[in-house]
C-alpha atoms as a PDB file:
ATOM      1  CA  MET A   1      14.264   5.688  59.627  1.00  0.00           C
ATOM      2  CA  LYS A   2      14.419   3.071  56.918  1.00  0.00           C
ATOM      3  CA  LYS A   3      10.685   3.428  56.158  1.00  0.00           C
ATOM      4  CA  SER A   4      10.935   7.183  55.705  1.00  0.00           C
ATOM      5  CA  ARG A   5      13.997   6.816  53.454  1.00  0.00           C
ATOM      6  CA  ASP A   6      12.197   4.203  51.302  1.00  0.00           C
ATOM      7  CA  LYS A   7       9.178   6.465  51.108  1.00  0.00           C
ATOM      8  CA  ARG A   8      11.304   9.435  49.938  1.00  0.00           C
ATOM      9  CA  ILE A   9      12.944   7.274  47.228  1.00  0.00           C
ATOM     10  CA  TRP A  10       9.534   6.020  46.112  1.00  0.00           C
ATOM     11  CA  MET A  11       8.121   9.570  46.022  1.00  0.00           C
ATOM     12  CA  LYS A  12      11.058  10.743  43.888  1.00  0.00           C
ATOM     13  CA  THR A  13      10.957   7.814  41.439  1.00  0.00           C
ATOM     14  CA  MET A  14       7.188   7.447  41.104  1.00  0.00           C
ATOM     15  CA  PRO A  15       6.768  10.439  38.709  1.00  0.00           C
ATOM     16  CA  VAL A  16       9.537   9.031  36.503  1.00  0.00           C
ATOM     17  CA  ILE A  17       7.920   5.578  36.417  1.00  0.00           C
ATOM     18  CA  VAL A  18       4.526   7.083  35.607  1.00  0.00           C
ATOM     19  CA  ALA A  19       6.051   9.208  32.831  1.00  0.00           C
ATOM     20  CA  VAL A  20       7.815   6.194  31.297  1.00  0.00           C
ATOM     21  CA  ILE A  21       4.633   4.077  31.380  1.00  0.00           C
ATOM     22  CA  PHE A  22       2.609   6.945  29.912  1.00  0.00           C
ATOM     23  CA  SER A  23       5.106   7.455  27.070  1.00  0.00           C
ATOM     24  CA  PHE A  24       5.007   3.733  26.214  1.00  0.00           C
ATOM     25  CA  LEU A  25       1.218   3.787  26.170  1.00  0.00           C
ATOM     26  CA  MET A  26       1.094   6.876  23.964  1.00  0.00           C
ATOM     27  CA  THR A  27       3.707   5.529  21.554  1.00  0.00           C
ATOM     28  CA  GLY A  28       1.912   2.190  21.276  1.00  0.00           C
ATOM     29  CA  CYS A  29      -1.454   3.827  20.612  1.00  0.00           C
ATOM     30  CA  ALA A  30      -0.213   6.446  18.154  1.00  0.00           C
ATOM     31  CA  GLY A  31      -0.224   4.088  15.172  1.00  0.00           C
ATOM     32  CA  ALA A  32      -3.315   2.130  16.144  1.00  0.00           C
ATOM     33  CA  GLY A  33      -5.668   4.324  14.134  1.00  0.00           C
ATOM     34  CA  SER A  34      -3.387   4.591  11.116  1.00  0.00           C
ATOM     35  CA  PRO A  35      -4.342   2.334   8.217  1.00  0.00           C
ATOM     36  CA  ASN A  36      -1.800  -0.081   6.863  1.00  0.00           C
ATOM     37  CA  ILE A  37      -2.097   0.806   3.174  1.00  0.00           C
ATOM     38  CA  PRO A  38      -1.151  -1.875   0.629  1.00  0.00           C
ATOM     39  CA  TYR A  39       1.399  -1.294  -2.112  1.00  0.00           C
ATOM     40  CA  GLU A  40       0.027   0.263  -5.270  1.00  0.00           C
ATOM     41  CA  PRO A  41       2.249   1.086  -8.270  1.00  0.00           C
ATOM     42  CA  ASP A  42       2.492   4.575  -9.746  1.00  0.00           C
ATOM     43  CA  THR A  43       1.169   3.200 -13.041  1.00  0.00           C
ATOM     44  CA  PRO A  44      -2.443   3.419 -14.186  1.00  0.00           C
ATOM     45  CA  PRO A  45      -4.570   0.537 -12.919  1.00  0.00           C
ATOM     46  CA  PRO A  46      -5.189  -2.282 -15.386  1.00  0.00           C
ATOM     47  CA  GLU A  47      -8.617  -2.607 -16.962  1.00  0.00           C
ATOM     48  CA  ASP A  48     -11.003  -4.910 -15.117  1.00  0.00           C
ATOM     49  CA  HIS A  49     -11.079  -8.521 -16.234  1.00  0.00           C
ATOM     50  CA  ASN A  50     -13.391  -9.106 -19.174  1.00  0.00           C
ATOM     51  CA  GLY A  51     -14.101 -12.397 -20.903  1.00  0.00           C
ATOM     52  CA  LYS A  52     -13.934 -16.087 -20.120  1.00  0.00           C
ATOM     53  CA  PHE A  53     -11.098 -17.592 -18.070  1.00  0.00           C
ATOM     54  CA  VAL A  54     -10.775 -21.381 -18.256  1.00  0.00           C
ATOM     55  CA  SER A  55      -9.124 -23.986 -16.024  1.00  0.00           C
ATOM     56  CA  GLY A  56      -9.310 -27.753 -15.741  1.00  0.00           C
ATOM     57  CA  HIS A  57     -11.917 -27.260 -13.008  1.00  0.00           C
ATOM     58  CA  GLY A  58     -14.293 -24.770 -14.559  1.00  0.00           C
ATOM     59  CA  THR A  59     -14.616 -21.220 -15.808  1.00  0.00           C
ATOM     60  CA  MET A  60     -14.879 -17.662 -14.550  1.00  0.00           C
ATOM     61  CA  THR A  61     -16.571 -15.226 -16.919  1.00  0.00           C
ATOM     62  CA  PHE A  62     -16.147 -11.514 -16.247  1.00  0.00           C
ATOM     63  CA  ASN A  63     -18.150  -8.730 -17.901  1.00  0.00           C
ATOM     64  CA  GLY A  64     -15.630  -5.934 -17.272  1.00  0.00           C
ATOM     65  CA  ASP A  65     -17.559  -4.156 -14.499  1.00  0.00           C
ATOM     66  CA  GLY A  66     -14.986  -4.984 -11.796  1.00  0.00           C
ATOM     67  CA  SER A  67     -17.415  -6.747  -9.485  1.00  0.00           C
ATOM     68  CA  THR A  68     -19.560  -9.478 -11.079  1.00  0.00           C
ATOM     69  CA  VAL A  69     -18.536 -12.907 -12.308  1.00  0.00           C
ATOM     70  CA  VAL A  70     -20.250 -16.032 -13.582  1.00  0.00           C
ATOM     71  CA  LEU A  71     -18.600 -19.080 -12.024  1.00  0.00           C
ATOM     72  CA  ASP A  72     -18.985 -22.568 -13.466  1.00  0.00           C
ATOM     73  CA  LEU A  73     -17.125 -24.867 -11.071  1.00  0.00           C
ATOM     74  CA  ASP A  74     -16.723 -28.631 -11.066  1.00  0.00           C
ATOM     75  CA  SER A  75     -17.456 -30.496  -7.830  1.00  0.00           C
ATOM     76  CA  GLU A  76     -13.797 -30.705  -6.764  1.00  0.00           C
ATOM     77  CA  LEU A  77     -13.052 -26.968  -7.008  1.00  0.00           C
ATOM     78  CA  ALA A  78     -16.466 -26.044  -5.614  1.00  0.00           C
ATOM     79  CA  GLN A  79     -15.711 -28.185  -2.553  1.00  0.00           C
ATOM     80  CA  MET A  80     -12.213 -26.713  -2.173  1.00  0.00           C
ATOM     81  CA  LEU A  81     -13.680 -23.197  -2.257  1.00  0.00           C
ATOM     82  CA  GLY A  82     -16.812 -23.936  -0.275  1.00  0.00           C
ATOM     83  CA  LEU A  83     -18.980 -22.558  -3.089  1.00  0.00           C
ATOM     84  CA  PRO A  84     -21.846 -24.132  -5.039  1.00  0.00           C
ATOM     85  CA  GLU A  85     -21.039 -26.445  -7.936  1.00  0.00           C
ATOM     86  CA  GLY A  86     -22.138 -25.605 -11.484  1.00  0.00           C
ATOM     87  CA  GLU A  87     -22.944 -22.274 -13.084  1.00  0.00           C
ATOM     88  CA  GLN A  88     -23.600 -19.482 -10.569  1.00  0.00           C
ATOM     89  CA  ASN A  89     -23.757 -15.695 -10.682  1.00  0.00           C
ATOM     90  CA  GLY A  90     -21.507 -14.088  -8.120  1.00  0.00           C
ATOM     91  CA  THR A  91     -19.261 -11.210  -7.197  1.00  0.00           C
ATOM     92  CA  TYR A  92     -15.511 -10.930  -6.780  1.00  0.00           C
ATOM     93  CA  GLU A  93     -12.959  -8.624  -5.225  1.00  0.00           C
ATOM     94  CA  PHE A  94      -9.179  -8.766  -5.338  1.00  0.00           C
ATOM     95  CA  LEU A  95      -7.630  -8.145  -1.921  1.00  0.00           C
ATOM     96  CA  SER A  96      -4.323  -7.031  -0.470  1.00  0.00           C
ATOM     97  CA  GLY A  97      -3.969  -9.929   1.889  1.00  0.00           C
ATOM     98  CA  PRO A  98      -4.162  -9.610   5.632  1.00  0.00           C
ATOM     99  CA  LEU A  99      -2.739  -6.292   6.791  1.00  0.00           C
ATOM    100  CA  ALA A 100      -2.688  -5.319  10.446  1.00  0.00           C
ATOM    101  CA  PRO A 101      -4.736  -3.869  12.020  1.00  0.00           C
ATOM    102  CA  GLY A 102      -7.649  -3.887   9.561  1.00  0.00           C
ATOM    103  CA  GLY A 103      -7.248  -7.112   7.590  1.00  0.00           C
ATOM    104  CA  SER A 104      -7.560  -7.370   3.826  1.00  0.00           C
ATOM    105  CA  VAL A 105      -8.611  -4.417   1.689  1.00  0.00           C
ATOM    106  CA  GLY A 106      -9.660  -4.202  -1.942  1.00  0.00           C
ATOM    107  CA  VAL A 107      -6.863  -3.555  -4.437  1.00  0.00           C
ATOM    108  CA  ARG A 108      -6.249  -3.702  -8.163  1.00  0.00           C
ATOM    109  CA  TYR A 109      -5.656  -7.248  -9.369  1.00  0.00           C
ATOM    110  CA  ASP A 110      -2.017  -6.816 -10.395  1.00  0.00           C
ATOM    111  CA  VAL A 111      -0.973  -6.360  -6.734  1.00  0.00           C
ATOM    112  CA  ALA A 112      -3.497  -8.747  -5.153  1.00  0.00           C
ATOM    113  CA  HIS A 113      -2.642 -11.554  -2.748  1.00  0.00           C
ATOM    114  CA  GLU A 114      -6.185 -12.862  -2.365  1.00  0.00           C
ATOM    115  CA  LEU A 115      -9.471 -13.154  -4.233  1.00  0.00           C
ATOM    116  CA  ARG A 116     -12.859 -13.009  -2.527  1.00  0.00           C
ATOM    117  CA  LEU A 117     -15.592 -14.908  -4.387  1.00  0.00           C
ATOM    118  CA  THR A 118     -19.208 -14.663  -3.275  1.00  0.00           C
ATOM    119  CA  VAL A 119     -22.189 -16.655  -4.521  1.00  0.00           C
ATOM    120  CA  GLY A 120     -25.434 -15.945  -2.661  1.00  0.00           C
ATOM    121  CA  ASP A 121     -24.721 -16.376   1.047  1.00  0.00           C
ATOM    122  CA  ALA A 122     -21.505 -18.330   0.444  1.00  0.00           C
ATOM    123  CA  SER A 123     -18.271 -16.359   0.403  1.00  0.00           C
ATOM    124  CA  THR A 124     -14.658 -17.456   0.385  1.00  0.00           C
ATOM    125  CA  VAL A 125     -11.234 -15.846   0.224  1.00  0.00           C
ATOM    126  CA  VAL A 126      -8.569 -17.767  -1.662  1.00  0.00           C
ATOM    127  CA  THR A 127      -4.887 -16.939  -2.032  1.00  0.00           C
ATOM    128  CA  VAL A 128      -3.707 -16.022  -5.530  1.00  0.00           C
ATOM    129  CA  GLY A 129      -0.212 -17.270  -6.246  1.00  0.00           C
ATOM    130  CA  LEU A 130       1.945 -19.775  -8.052  1.00  0.00           C
ATOM    131  CA  ALA A 131       3.070 -23.106  -6.610  1.00  0.00           C
ATOM    132  CA  SER A 132       6.481 -24.525  -7.430  1.00  0.00           C
ATOM    133  CA  GLU A 133       6.601 -27.741  -9.489  1.00  0.00           C
ATOM    134  CA  ASP A 134       7.326 -29.863  -6.419  1.00  0.00           C
ATOM    135  CA  GLY A 135       4.684 -28.066  -4.347  1.00  0.00           C
ATOM    136  CA  LYS A 136       7.144 -27.223  -1.582  1.00  0.00           C
ATOM    137  CA  ASN A 137       7.119 -23.467  -2.235  1.00  0.00           C
ATOM    138  CA  ALA A 138       4.795 -20.812  -3.608  1.00  0.00           C
ATOM    139  CA  SER A 139       5.043 -17.229  -4.839  1.00  0.00           C
ATOM    140  CA  VAL A 140       2.515 -14.585  -3.868  1.00  0.00           C
ATOM    141  CA  GLY A 141       2.843 -10.932  -4.750  1.00  0.00           C
ATOM    142  CA  THR A 142       2.853  -8.244  -7.367  1.00  0.00           C
ATOM    143  CA  GLY A 143       2.273  -9.376 -10.935  1.00  0.00           C
ATOM    144  CA  ILE A 144       0.943 -12.862 -10.112  1.00  0.00           C
ATOM    145  CA  VAL A 145      -2.562 -12.050 -11.396  1.00  0.00           C
ATOM    146  CA  THR A 146      -2.517 -10.606 -14.907  1.00  0.00           C
ATOM    147  CA  ALA A 147      -5.025  -9.656 -17.605  1.00  0.00           C
ATOM    148  CA  GLU A 148      -4.548 -13.188 -18.994  1.00  0.00           C
ATOM    149  CA  LYS A 149      -4.093 -15.346 -15.867  1.00  0.00           C
ATOM    150  CA  ILE A 150      -5.684 -15.844 -12.440  1.00  0.00           C
ATOM    151  CA  PRO A 151      -3.826 -18.526 -10.434  1.00  0.00           C
ATOM    152  CA  LEU A 152      -5.611 -19.799  -7.333  1.00  0.00           C
ATOM    153  CA  LEU A 153      -3.226 -21.230  -4.746  1.00  0.00           C
ATOM    154  CA  PHE A 154      -4.139 -24.033  -2.358  1.00  0.00           C
ATOM    155  CA  TYR A 155      -2.132 -25.541   0.501  1.00  0.00           C
ATOM    156  CA  GLU A 156      -3.137 -28.966   1.745  1.00  0.00           C
ATOM    157  CA  ASP A 157      -1.214 -31.635   3.607  1.00  0.00           C
ATOM    158  CA  GLY A 158       2.016 -29.657   3.321  1.00  0.00           C
ATOM    159  CA  VAL A 159       1.799 -29.275  -0.468  1.00  0.00           C
ATOM    160  CA  ASN A 160       1.061 -26.158  -2.540  1.00  0.00           C
ATOM    161  CA  SER A 161      -0.998 -26.596  -5.692  1.00  0.00           C
ATOM    162  CA  ASN A 162      -2.634 -24.395  -8.305  1.00  0.00           C
ATOM    163  CA  VAL A 163      -5.812 -24.082 -10.269  1.00  0.00           C
ATOM    164  CA  ILE A 164      -4.894 -21.588 -12.979  1.00  0.00           C
ATOM    165  CA  PHE A 165      -7.557 -19.797 -14.977  1.00  0.00           C
ATOM    166  CA  ILE A 166      -6.322 -18.627 -18.407  1.00  0.00           C
ATOM    167  CA  LYS A 167      -8.156 -16.114 -20.584  1.00  0.00           C
ATOM    168  CA  GLU A 168      -9.733 -17.821 -23.585  1.00  0.00           C
END
């Protein structure tokens, strides 16, 4: 008698369990195809960088087309970025930073969290942000990259540091 009672309980509860599992699966999958769109202000986008930006480790020269750059990097910054030293033609793209589920996407520079630099087959993504004076903290977010300033942010051995490119 106990077996038949257990079987009746199981037969009554099984559709409920299946329905609950199905609803969890459907809810979890509903947003999987939806893109995670980065923040973009309601203001017109800034003009693409144009001109020479200088730092203590080299230069970035933009021609205003929004995609090409001439990099002239010293050995230290080239090594930090994993790019060739000296003057090189390349491309760039400002990125949103990693957004689930699709990763980083291209955005206007005034809301960027990252910068992708590519020279030939070498490509790197570097965070754009400002390190605090003591290197313990850093700021990343809207307004960090401007028409006059591109701050590259590095984190090594527990310390944040910057290489800041300023428009000449």
